[in-house]
Amino acid sequence: MRFGLFGTGYWAEHTQGAALVSHPDAELVGVWGRDPAKAAALADRLGTRPYGDLDALIADVDAVAVALPPDVQAPIAERAARAGRHLLLDKPLALTTADADRVVDAVTDSGVASVVFFTGRFDPEVTASLEQAAAGGGWSSARVTMYASIFAAGGPYSGSAWRKVHGGLWDLGPHALSRLLPVLGPVTEVTALAGAHATSHVLARHDSGAVSVLMLTLDAPPAAPLFEYQLHGEAGVLDLPGGSGDPVAAFGRAIDELLAEARRTGTPAHPCDVRFAREVVAVLEAAQLSQQEGRTVAVR
């Protein structure tokens, strides 16, 4: 499958680009970025060609891989889907449900395959643990703590403008929800509070009756990083695995699964397709509104 890579940052080069170049069934046709000089430099490092026009790159490929801020990603994804190109996107899909809905509509109308890269969901150990937890059932609550510290000078994401504005809620929240929703079911309402160190504290009620607590920040004290995923229920307490920490291998599996989805007909869509990603965006949008207005917000 011929891929176009959209984005020129650290994630585009060291995760998506690296996985695409090394994948035996993928051909990286070219790179597009908002900064032509960066696109040219990255294309050279990846052994492909830069594109100055995003529609030209869309026209030359079978699928797009996008490593751009969510508000930039969504319109490109919609454009590519309406051109009949398969989508391999990053999380979060968008920053509003309205933008996410436009991508979903484009995928539905065109019939293209879509996979959204929630990193842990492409780790075999994480996937197996979630399947076992969902099959066992009986979970009444969950707690996810994701305390990252990414803004130290020299870090690969220290200059990420969208992460500084939207914080852990939007960057880490998708990872947390991608583990919780398959086990506890959809979220119906949320209450969220802003805490110290730009931490979002989110209380979510699932339609199964379970309640989950999410604590999310990208700006934790450097001495206090913590990542925990825990379920509580009739079977006791279950600590879910965090994953291997190898995003290139995980993205390689995402490529595999997009290829499989593109060949498949008449079967259910991928569990991490744009429809699932839209569900995640709706929860995050409700949590953001709750945090801003100090009230419980229903998820639409």
C-alpha atoms as a PDB file:
ATOM      1  CA  MET A   1       0.000   0.000   0.000  1.00  0.00           C
ATOM      2  CA  ARG A   2       1.310   3.446  -0.944  1.00  0.00           C
ATOM      3  CA  PHE A   3       1.318   5.873   1.994  1.00  0.00           C
ATOM      4  CA  GLY A   4       1.693   9.609   2.294  1.00  0.00           C
ATOM      5  CA  LEU A   5       3.030  10.921   5.608  1.00  0.00           C
ATOM      6  CA  PHE A   6       1.538  14.190   6.857  1.00  0.00           C
ATOM      7  CA  GLY A   7       3.613  15.858   9.558  1.00  0.00           C
ATOM      8  CA  THR A   8       7.275  16.607  10.203  1.00  0.00           C
ATOM      9  CA  GLY A   9       7.705  16.444  13.982  1.00  0.00           C
ATOM     10  CA  TYR A  10       9.339  13.914  16.279  1.00  0.00           C
ATOM     11  CA  TRP A  11       6.385  11.486  16.199  1.00  0.00           C
ATOM     12  CA  ALA A  12       6.131  11.714  12.419  1.00  0.00           C
ATOM     13  CA  GLU A  13       9.798  10.830  11.983  1.00  0.00           C
ATOM     14  CA  HIS A  14      10.615   8.456  14.808  1.00  0.00           C
ATOM     15  CA  THR A  15       7.333   6.529  15.042  1.00  0.00           C
ATOM     16  CA  GLN A  16       5.184   6.760  11.927  1.00  0.00           C
ATOM     17  CA  GLY A  17       7.944   7.395   9.404  1.00  0.00           C
ATOM     18  CA  ALA A  18      10.239   4.771  10.909  1.00  0.00           C
ATOM     19  CA  ALA A  19       7.471   2.151  10.891  1.00  0.00           C
ATOM     20  CA  LEU A  20       6.375   2.951   7.344  1.00  0.00           C
ATOM     21  CA  VAL A  21       9.903   2.792   5.938  1.00  0.00           C
ATOM     22  CA  SER A  22      10.597  -0.575   7.582  1.00  0.00           C
ATOM     23  CA  HIS A  23       7.240  -2.210   6.807  1.00  0.00           C
ATOM     24  CA  PRO A  24       7.465  -4.848   4.051  1.00  0.00           C
ATOM     25  CA  ASP A  25       3.982  -4.105   2.691  1.00  0.00           C
ATOM     26  CA  ALA A  26       4.095  -0.309   2.793  1.00  0.00           C
ATOM     27  CA  GLU A  27       5.701   2.184   0.432  1.00  0.00           C
ATOM     28  CA  LEU A  28       6.308   5.698   1.728  1.00  0.00           C
ATOM     29  CA  VAL A  29       5.623   7.858  -1.324  1.00  0.00           C
ATOM     30  CA  GLY A  30       6.225  11.261   0.201  1.00  0.00           C
ATOM     31  CA  VAL A  31       6.005  13.719   3.086  1.00  0.00           C
ATOM     32  CA  TRP A  32       3.909  16.866   3.437  1.00  0.00           C
ATOM     33  CA  GLY A  33       4.239  19.418   6.218  1.00  0.00           C
ATOM     34  CA  ARG A  34       3.130  22.910   7.043  1.00  0.00           C
ATOM     35  CA  ASP A  35       6.776  23.994   6.888  1.00  0.00           C
ATOM     36  CA  PRO A  36       8.182  23.091   3.440  1.00  0.00           C
ATOM     37  CA  ALA A  37      11.779  23.189   4.686  1.00  0.00           C
ATOM     38  CA  LYS A  38      11.030  20.689   7.439  1.00  0.00           C
ATOM     39  CA  ALA A  39       9.148  18.490   4.983  1.00  0.00           C
ATOM     40  CA  ALA A  40      12.126  18.488   2.637  1.00  0.00           C
ATOM     41  CA  ALA A  41      14.560  17.648   5.434  1.00  0.00           C
ATOM     42  CA  LEU A  42      12.408  14.816   6.779  1.00  0.00           C
ATOM     43  CA  ALA A  43      11.778  13.391   3.329  1.00  0.00           C
ATOM     44  CA  ASP A  44      15.522  13.297   2.770  1.00  0.00           C
ATOM     45  CA  ARG A  45      16.118  11.476   6.051  1.00  0.00           C
ATOM     46  CA  LEU A  46      13.383   8.942   5.258  1.00  0.00           C
ATOM     47  CA  GLY A  47      14.534   8.407   1.684  1.00  0.00           C
ATOM     48  CA  THR A  48      11.422   9.740   0.008  1.00  0.00           C
ATOM     49  CA  ARG A  49      10.291  13.010  -1.599  1.00  0.00           C
ATOM     50  CA  PRO A  50       8.693  16.151  -0.164  1.00  0.00           C
ATOM     51  CA  TYR A  51       5.380  17.482  -1.409  1.00  0.00           C
ATOM     52  CA  GLY A  52       4.475  21.150  -1.362  1.00  0.00           C
ATOM     53  CA  ASP A  53       0.790  20.492  -2.062  1.00  0.00           C
ATOM     54  CA  LEU A  54      -1.161  18.178   0.221  1.00  0.00           C
ATOM     55  CA  ASP A  55      -3.739  17.328  -2.459  1.00  0.00           C
ATOM     56  CA  ALA A  56      -0.950  16.211  -4.769  1.00  0.00           C
ATOM     57  CA  LEU A  57       0.299  13.779  -2.126  1.00  0.00           C
ATOM     58  CA  ILE A  58      -3.241  12.532  -1.462  1.00  0.00           C
ATOM     59  CA  ALA A  59      -3.656  11.929  -5.197  1.00  0.00           C
ATOM     60  CA  ASP A  60      -0.471   9.834  -5.394  1.00  0.00           C
ATOM     61  CA  VAL A  61      -1.212   7.384  -2.564  1.00  0.00           C
ATOM     62  CA  ASP A  62      -3.616   4.697  -1.370  1.00  0.00           C
ATOM     63  CA  ALA A  63      -3.569   5.777   2.291  1.00  0.00           C
ATOM     64  CA  VAL A  64      -2.531   8.661   4.504  1.00  0.00           C
ATOM     65  CA  ALA A  65      -0.665   8.487   7.805  1.00  0.00           C
ATOM     66  CA  VAL A  66      -1.148  11.666   9.838  1.00  0.00           C
ATOM     67  CA  ALA A  67       1.087  12.914  12.663  1.00  0.00           C
ATOM     68  CA  LEU A  68      -0.238  16.439  13.142  1.00  0.00           C
ATOM     69  CA  PRO A  69      -2.145  18.322  15.859  1.00  0.00           C
ATOM     70  CA  PRO A  70      -5.763  17.095  16.015  1.00  0.00           C
ATOM     71  CA  ASP A  71      -7.293  20.318  14.727  1.00  0.00           C
ATOM     72  CA  VAL A  72      -5.019  20.073  11.673  1.00  0.00           C
ATOM     73  CA  GLN A  73      -5.442  16.332  11.271  1.00  0.00           C
ATOM     74  CA  ALA A  74      -9.245  16.281  11.080  1.00  0.00           C
ATOM     75  CA  PRO A  75      -9.741  18.352   7.896  1.00  0.00           C
ATOM     76  CA  ILE A  76      -6.894  16.503   6.129  1.00  0.00           C
ATOM     77  CA  ALA A  77      -8.429  13.171   7.113  1.00  0.00           C
ATOM     78  CA  GLU A  78     -11.831  14.262   5.799  1.00  0.00           C
ATOM     79  CA  ARG A  79     -10.263  15.439   2.558  1.00  0.00           C
ATOM     80  CA  ALA A  80      -8.325  12.200   2.087  1.00  0.00           C
ATOM     81  CA  ALA A  81     -11.323   9.985   2.852  1.00  0.00           C
ATOM     82  CA  ARG A  82     -13.491  11.831   0.345  1.00  0.00           C
ATOM     83  CA  ALA A  83     -10.719  11.223  -2.208  1.00  0.00           C
ATOM     84  CA  GLY A  84     -11.011   7.491  -1.491  1.00  0.00           C
ATOM     85  CA  ARG A  85      -7.839   7.159   0.595  1.00  0.00           C
ATOM     86  CA  HIS A  86      -7.606   4.885   3.625  1.00  0.00           C
ATOM     87  CA  LEU A  87      -6.821   6.563   6.943  1.00  0.00           C
ATOM     88  CA  LEU A  88      -4.143   5.771   9.539  1.00  0.00           C
ATOM     89  CA  LEU A  89      -4.609   8.571  12.037  1.00  0.00           C
ATOM     90  CA  ASP A  90      -3.301   9.602  15.431  1.00  0.00           C
ATOM     91  CA  LYS A  91      -5.245  10.280  18.589  1.00  0.00           C
ATOM     92  CA  PRO A  92      -7.187  12.354  19.381  1.00  0.00           C
ATOM     93  CA  LEU A  93      -9.048  12.323  16.098  1.00  0.00           C
ATOM     94  CA  ALA A  94     -10.140  15.962  16.521  1.00  0.00           C
ATOM     95  CA  LEU A  95     -10.696  18.599  19.185  1.00  0.00           C
ATOM     96  CA  THR A  96     -14.480  18.824  18.699  1.00  0.00           C
ATOM     97  CA  THR A  97     -17.204  16.306  18.009  1.00  0.00           C
ATOM     98  CA  ALA A  98     -18.292  18.451  15.060  1.00  0.00           C
ATOM     99  CA  ASP A  99     -14.909  17.960  13.375  1.00  0.00           C
ATOM    100  CA  ALA A 100     -14.845  14.279  14.320  1.00  0.00           C
ATOM    101  CA  ASP A 101     -18.315  13.805  12.842  1.00  0.00           C
ATOM    102  CA  ARG A 102     -17.160  15.224   9.525  1.00  0.00           C
ATOM    103  CA  VAL A 103     -14.381  12.647   9.367  1.00  0.00           C
ATOM    104  CA  VAL A 104     -16.799   9.846  10.288  1.00  0.00           C
ATOM    105  CA  ASP A 105     -19.248  10.995   7.609  1.00  0.00           C
ATOM    106  CA  ALA A 106     -16.485  11.077   4.991  1.00  0.00           C
ATOM    107  CA  VAL A 107     -15.360   7.549   5.886  1.00  0.00           C
ATOM    108  CA  THR A 108     -18.938   6.277   5.862  1.00  0.00           C
ATOM    109  CA  ASP A 109     -19.715   7.897   2.521  1.00  0.00           C
ATOM    110  CA  SER A 110     -16.536   6.691   0.801  1.00  0.00           C
ATOM    111  CA  GLY A 111     -16.260   3.255   2.380  1.00  0.00           C
ATOM    112  CA  VAL A 112     -12.528   3.573   3.076  1.00  0.00           C
ATOM    113  CA  ALA A 113     -10.824   1.764   5.949  1.00  0.00           C
ATOM    114  CA  SER A 114      -9.772   3.698   9.037  1.00  0.00           C
ATOM    115  CA  VAL A 115      -7.521   2.937  11.997  1.00  0.00           C
ATOM    116  CA  VAL A 116      -6.714   5.428  14.751  1.00  0.00           C
ATOM    117  CA  PHE A 117      -3.453   4.826  16.604  1.00  0.00           C
ATOM    118  CA  PHE A 118      -4.204   4.509  20.316  1.00  0.00           C
ATOM    119  CA  THR A 119      -0.721   3.163  21.053  1.00  0.00           C
ATOM    120  CA  GLY A 120      -1.563   0.639  23.768  1.00  0.00           C
ATOM    121  CA  ARG A 121      -4.372  -0.894  21.753  1.00  0.00           C
ATOM    122  CA  PHE A 122      -1.743  -2.181  19.298  1.00  0.00           C
ATOM    123  CA  ASP A 123       0.308  -3.882  21.998  1.00  0.00           C
ATOM    124  CA  PRO A 124      -0.479  -7.631  22.219  1.00  0.00           C
ATOM    125  CA  GLU A 125      -0.184  -7.752  26.020  1.00  0.00           C
ATOM    126  CA  VAL A 126      -2.530  -4.796  26.498  1.00  0.00           C
ATOM    127  CA  THR A 127      -5.026  -6.095  23.939  1.00  0.00           C
ATOM    128  CA  ALA A 128      -5.113  -9.558  25.538  1.00  0.00           C
ATOM    129  CA  SER A 129      -5.637  -8.121  29.021  1.00  0.00           C
ATOM    130  CA  LEU A 130      -8.526  -5.923  27.852  1.00  0.00           C
ATOM    131  CA  GLU A 131     -10.201  -8.828  26.054  1.00  0.00           C
ATOM    132  CA  GLN A 132      -9.936 -10.998  29.160  1.00  0.00           C
ATOM    133  CA  ALA A 133     -11.254  -8.234  31.420  1.00  0.00           C
ATOM    134  CA  ALA A 134     -14.192  -7.533  29.118  1.00  0.00           C
ATOM    135  CA  ALA A 135     -15.052 -11.237  28.872  1.00  0.00           C
ATOM    136  CA  GLY A 136     -14.935 -11.649  32.663  1.00  0.00           C
ATOM    137  CA  GLY A 137     -17.141  -8.628  33.371  1.00  0.00           C
ATOM    138  CA  GLY A 138     -18.330  -7.576  36.808  1.00  0.00           C
ATOM    139  CA  TRP A 139     -16.222  -4.419  36.976  1.00  0.00           C
ATOM    140  CA  SER A 140     -17.779  -1.621  38.999  1.00  0.00           C
ATOM    141  CA  SER A 141     -15.038   1.012  38.924  1.00  0.00           C
ATOM    142  CA  ALA A 142     -11.664   1.910  37.485  1.00  0.00           C
ATOM    143  CA  ARG A 143      -8.819   4.298  38.191  1.00  0.00           C
ATOM    144  CA  VAL A 144      -6.311   5.550  35.639  1.00  0.00           C
ATOM    145  CA  THR A 145      -3.395   7.769  36.627  1.00  0.00           C
ATOM    146  CA  MET A 146      -1.220   9.206  33.885  1.00  0.00           C
ATOM    147  CA  TYR A 147       1.281  11.708  35.274  1.00  0.00           C
ATOM    148  CA  ALA A 148       3.792  12.673  32.588  1.00  0.00           C
ATOM    149  CA  SER A 149       6.350  15.479  32.560  1.00  0.00           C
ATOM    150  CA  ILE A 150       7.144  16.391  28.964  1.00  0.00           C
ATOM    151  CA  PHE A 151       7.970  20.092  28.931  1.00  0.00           C
ATOM    152  CA  ALA A 152      11.565  19.968  30.165  1.00  0.00           C
ATOM    153  CA  ALA A 153      13.956  21.732  27.809  1.00  0.00           C
ATOM    154  CA  GLY A 154      15.309  19.444  25.130  1.00  0.00           C
ATOM    155  CA  GLY A 155      12.501  16.882  25.339  1.00  0.00           C
ATOM    156  CA  PRO A 156      10.957  15.722  22.044  1.00  0.00           C
ATOM    157  CA  TYR A 157       7.576  17.281  22.896  1.00  0.00           C
ATOM    158  CA  SER A 158       8.730  20.276  24.939  1.00  0.00           C
ATOM    159  CA  GLY A 159       7.770  22.648  22.119  1.00  0.00           C
ATOM    160  CA  SER A 160       4.404  21.079  21.303  1.00  0.00           C
ATOM    161  CA  ALA A 161       2.055  24.060  21.237  1.00  0.00           C
ATOM    162  CA  TRP A 162      -1.192  22.101  21.097  1.00  0.00           C
ATOM    163  CA  ARG A 163      -0.170  19.936  24.075  1.00  0.00           C
ATOM    164  CA  LYS A 164       0.644  23.036  26.124  1.00  0.00           C
ATOM    165  CA  VAL A 165      -2.819  24.442  25.403  1.00  0.00           C
ATOM    166  CA  HIS A 166      -4.917  21.266  25.699  1.00  0.00           C
ATOM    167  CA  GLY A 167      -2.813  19.361  28.199  1.00  0.00           C
ATOM    168  CA  GLY A 168      -3.089  15.851  29.527  1.00  0.00           C
ATOM    169  CA  LEU A 169      -6.861  15.731  29.090  1.00  0.00           C
ATOM    170  CA  TRP A 170      -6.558  15.670  25.315  1.00  0.00           C
ATOM    171  CA  ASP A 171      -3.152  14.021  24.921  1.00  0.00           C
ATOM    172  CA  LEU A 172      -3.327  11.311  27.600  1.00  0.00           C
ATOM    173  CA  GLY A 173      -7.117  11.069  27.949  1.00  0.00           C
ATOM    174  CA  PRO A 174      -7.448   9.141  24.670  1.00  0.00           C
ATOM    175  CA  HIS A 175      -4.992   6.505  25.915  1.00  0.00           C
ATOM    176  CA  ALA A 176      -6.940   6.098  29.161  1.00  0.00           C
ATOM    177  CA  LEU A 177     -10.326   5.912  27.455  1.00  0.00           C
ATOM    178  CA  SER A 178      -9.073   3.476  24.825  1.00  0.00           C
ATOM    179  CA  ARG A 179      -8.493   1.009  27.674  1.00  0.00           C
ATOM    180  CA  LEU A 180     -11.636   1.758  29.690  1.00  0.00           C
ATOM    181  CA  LEU A 181     -14.351   1.903  27.034  1.00  0.00           C
ATOM    182  CA  PRO A 182     -13.864  -1.671  25.737  1.00  0.00           C
ATOM    183  CA  VAL A 183     -14.236  -3.009  29.296  1.00  0.00           C
ATOM    184  CA  LEU A 184     -16.721  -0.665  31.001  1.00  0.00           C
ATOM    185  CA  GLY A 185     -18.706   0.511  27.979  1.00  0.00           C
ATOM    186  CA  PRO A 186     -19.577   3.993  26.712  1.00  0.00           C
ATOM    187  CA  VAL A 187     -19.467   7.024  28.991  1.00  0.00           C
ATOM    188  CA  THR A 188     -22.784   8.787  29.591  1.00  0.00           C
ATOM    189  CA  GLU A 189     -21.731  11.743  31.765  1.00  0.00           C
ATOM    190  CA  VAL A 190     -18.602  13.313  33.218  1.00  0.00           C
ATOM    191  CA  THR A 191     -17.583  15.700  35.957  1.00  0.00           C
ATOM    192  CA  ALA A 192     -14.114  17.211  35.739  1.00  0.00           C
ATOM    193  CA  LEU A 193     -11.963  19.512  37.850  1.00  0.00           C
ATOM    194  CA  ALA A 194      -8.671  21.238  37.127  1.00  0.00           C
ATOM    195  CA  GLY A 195      -5.971  20.622  39.723  1.00  0.00           C
ATOM    196  CA  ALA A 196      -2.381  21.509  40.453  1.00  0.00           C
ATOM    197  CA  HIS A 197       0.265  20.943  37.782  1.00  0.00           C
ATOM    198  CA  ALA A 198      -2.358  21.319  35.021  1.00  0.00           C
ATOM    199  CA  THR A 199      -3.963  18.047  36.087  1.00  0.00           C
ATOM    200  CA  SER A 200      -7.432  17.105  34.873  1.00  0.00           C
ATOM    201  CA  HIS A 201      -9.394  15.007  37.385  1.00  0.00           C
ATOM    202  CA  VAL A 202     -12.244  13.325  35.520  1.00  0.00           C
ATOM    203  CA  LEU A 203     -15.088  11.302  37.024  1.00  0.00           C
ATOM    204  CA  ALA A 204     -16.913   9.341  34.318  1.00  0.00           C
ATOM    205  CA  ARG A 205     -20.131   7.317  34.573  1.00  0.00           C
ATOM    206  CA  HIS A 206     -20.417   4.454  32.084  1.00  0.00           C
ATOM    207  CA  ASP A 207     -23.727   3.122  30.805  1.00  0.00           C
ATOM    208  CA  SER A 208     -22.834  -0.225  32.449  1.00  0.00           C
ATOM    209  CA  GLY A 209     -23.198   1.543  35.815  1.00  0.00           C
ATOM    210  CA  ALA A 210     -19.453   1.554  36.442  1.00  0.00           C
ATOM    211  CA  VAL A 211     -17.657   4.757  37.414  1.00  0.00           C
ATOM    212  CA  SER A 212     -14.071   5.520  36.424  1.00  0.00           C
ATOM    213  CA  VAL A 213     -11.628   8.120  37.711  1.00  0.00           C
ATOM    214  CA  LEU A 214      -8.961   9.593  35.421  1.00  0.00           C
ATOM    215  CA  MET A 215      -6.078  11.764  36.627  1.00  0.00           C
ATOM    216  CA  LEU A 216      -4.165  13.218  33.699  1.00  0.00           C
ATOM    217  CA  THR A 217      -1.306  15.669  33.297  1.00  0.00           C
ATOM    218  CA  LEU A 218       1.643  16.358  31.021  1.00  0.00           C
ATOM    219  CA  ASP A 219       3.204  18.746  33.537  1.00  0.00           C
ATOM    220  CA  ALA A 220       3.768  16.604  36.630  1.00  0.00           C
ATOM    221  CA  PRO A 221       6.798  17.347  38.826  1.00  0.00           C
ATOM    222  CA  PRO A 222       9.756  15.556  37.206  1.00  0.00           C
ATOM    223  CA  ALA A 223      10.195  13.460  40.372  1.00  0.00           C
ATOM    224  CA  ALA A 224       6.581  12.242  40.348  1.00  0.00           C
ATOM    225  CA  PRO A 225       5.780  10.432  37.068  1.00  0.00           C
ATOM    226  CA  LEU A 226       3.177   7.680  37.444  1.00  0.00           C
ATOM    227  CA  PHE A 227       1.223   5.483  35.025  1.00  0.00           C
ATOM    228  CA  GLU A 228      -1.367   3.073  36.460  1.00  0.00           C
ATOM    229  CA  TYR A 229      -4.467   1.391  35.003  1.00  0.00           C
ATOM    230  CA  GLN A 230      -6.614  -0.442  37.543  1.00  0.00           C
ATOM    231  CA  LEU A 231     -10.023  -2.139  37.498  1.00  0.00           C
ATOM    232  CA  HIS A 232     -12.092  -3.004  40.591  1.00  0.00           C
ATOM    233  CA  GLY A 233     -15.000  -5.441  40.726  1.00  0.00           C
ATOM    234  CA  GLU A 234     -16.353  -8.808  41.735  1.00  0.00           C
ATOM    235  CA  ALA A 235     -13.125 -10.566  40.732  1.00  0.00           C
ATOM    236  CA  GLY A 236     -11.053  -8.215  42.872  1.00  0.00           C
ATOM    237  CA  VAL A 237      -8.471  -5.696  41.689  1.00  0.00           C
ATOM    238  CA  LEU A 238      -6.843  -5.994  38.271  1.00  0.00           C
ATOM    239  CA  ASP A 239      -3.792  -3.976  37.266  1.00  0.00           C
ATOM    240  CA  LEU A 240      -3.751  -3.607  33.499  1.00  0.00           C
ATOM    241  CA  PRO A 241      -0.366  -3.606  31.738  1.00  0.00           C
ATOM    242  CA  GLY A 242       1.056  -0.359  30.468  1.00  0.00           C
ATOM    243  CA  GLY A 243       2.499  -1.834  27.286  1.00  0.00           C
ATOM    244  CA  SER A 244       5.919  -2.524  25.868  1.00  0.00           C
ATOM    245  CA  GLY A 245       6.854   1.099  25.311  1.00  0.00           C
ATOM    246  CA  ASP A 246       7.826   0.421  21.685  1.00  0.00           C
ATOM    247  CA  PRO A 247       5.652   2.740  19.571  1.00  0.00           C
ATOM    248  CA  VAL A 248       7.368   1.805  16.290  1.00  0.00           C
ATOM    249  CA  ALA A 249       6.438  -1.860  16.710  1.00  0.00           C
ATOM    250  CA  ALA A 250       2.914  -0.846  17.716  1.00  0.00           C
ATOM    251  CA  PHE A 251       2.558   1.406  14.675  1.00  0.00           C
ATOM    252  CA  GLY A 252       3.777  -1.459  12.501  1.00  0.00           C
ATOM    253  CA  ARG A 253       0.851  -3.512  13.810  1.00  0.00           C
ATOM    254  CA  ALA A 254      -1.477  -0.600  13.058  1.00  0.00           C
ATOM    255  CA  ILE A 255      -0.246  -0.681   9.453  1.00  0.00           C
ATOM    256  CA  ASP A 256      -0.914  -4.434   9.362  1.00  0.00           C
ATOM    257  CA  GLU A 257      -4.434  -3.893  10.632  1.00  0.00           C
ATOM    258  CA  LEU A 258      -5.187  -1.078   8.183  1.00  0.00           C
ATOM    259  CA  LEU A 259      -4.041  -3.336   5.344  1.00  0.00           C
ATOM    260  CA  ALA A 260      -6.351  -6.066   6.617  1.00  0.00           C
ATOM    261  CA  GLU A 261      -9.256  -3.614   6.947  1.00  0.00           C
ATOM    262  CA  ALA A 262      -8.719  -2.355   3.402  1.00  0.00           C
ATOM    263  CA  ARG A 263      -9.020  -5.930   2.078  1.00  0.00           C
ATOM    264  CA  ARG A 264     -12.004  -6.876   4.214  1.00  0.00           C
ATOM    265  CA  THR A 265     -15.609  -6.561   3.056  1.00  0.00           C
ATOM    266  CA  GLY A 266     -18.902  -7.150   4.802  1.00  0.00           C
ATOM    267  CA  THR A 267     -17.456  -7.436   8.321  1.00  0.00           C
ATOM    268  CA  PRO A 268     -17.451  -5.169  11.394  1.00  0.00           C
ATOM    269  CA  ALA A 269     -15.147  -2.169  11.330  1.00  0.00           C
ATOM    270  CA  HIS A 270     -11.867  -2.024  13.208  1.00  0.00           C
ATOM    271  CA  PRO A 271     -12.346  -1.557  16.989  1.00  0.00           C
ATOM    272  CA  CYS A 272     -10.161   1.568  16.843  1.00  0.00           C
ATOM    273  CA  ASP A 273     -11.703   3.125  13.755  1.00  0.00           C
ATOM    274  CA  VAL A 274     -12.830   6.736  13.416  1.00  0.00           C
ATOM    275  CA  ARG A 275     -16.207   5.925  14.984  1.00  0.00           C
ATOM    276  CA  PHE A 276     -14.561   4.734  18.174  1.00  0.00           C
ATOM    277  CA  ALA A 277     -12.215   7.723  18.045  1.00  0.00           C
ATOM    278  CA  ARG A 278     -15.231  10.020  17.751  1.00  0.00           C
ATOM    279  CA  GLU A 279     -16.666   8.436  20.912  1.00  0.00           C
ATOM    280  CA  VAL A 280     -13.427   9.296  22.706  1.00  0.00           C
ATOM    281  CA  VAL A 281     -13.538  12.895  21.453  1.00  0.00           C
ATOM    282  CA  ALA A 282     -17.104  13.263  22.761  1.00  0.00           C
ATOM    283  CA  VAL A 283     -16.016  12.236  26.272  1.00  0.00           C
ATOM    284  CA  LEU A 284     -13.053  14.622  26.219  1.00  0.00           C
ATOM    285  CA  GLU A 285     -15.166  17.486  24.921  1.00  0.00           C
ATOM    286  CA  ALA A 286     -17.688  16.919  27.726  1.00  0.00           C
ATOM    287  CA  ALA A 287     -14.884  16.768  30.316  1.00  0.00           C
ATOM    288  CA  GLN A 288     -13.402  20.008  29.004  1.00  0.00           C
ATOM    289  CA  LEU A 289     -16.783  21.731  29.260  1.00  0.00           C
ATOM    290  CA  SER A 290     -17.323  20.350  32.767  1.00  0.00           C
ATOM    291  CA  GLN A 291     -13.920  21.596  33.844  1.00  0.00           C
ATOM    292  CA  GLN A 292     -14.654  25.055  32.435  1.00  0.00           C
ATOM    293  CA  GLU A 293     -18.195  25.430  33.786  1.00  0.00           C
ATOM    294  CA  GLY A 294     -18.057  23.449  37.046  1.00  0.00           C
ATOM    295  CA  ARG A 295     -20.944  21.106  36.295  1.00  0.00           C
ATOM    296  CA  THR A 296     -21.702  17.558  35.249  1.00  0.00           C
ATOM    297  CA  VAL A 297     -21.987  17.256  31.458  1.00  0.00           C
ATOM    298  CA  ALA A 298     -23.789  14.570  29.465  1.00  0.00           C
ATOM    299  CA  VAL A 299     -21.775  12.945  26.679  1.00  0.00           C
ATOM    300  CA  ARG A 300     -23.336  13.293  23.234  1.00  0.00           C
END
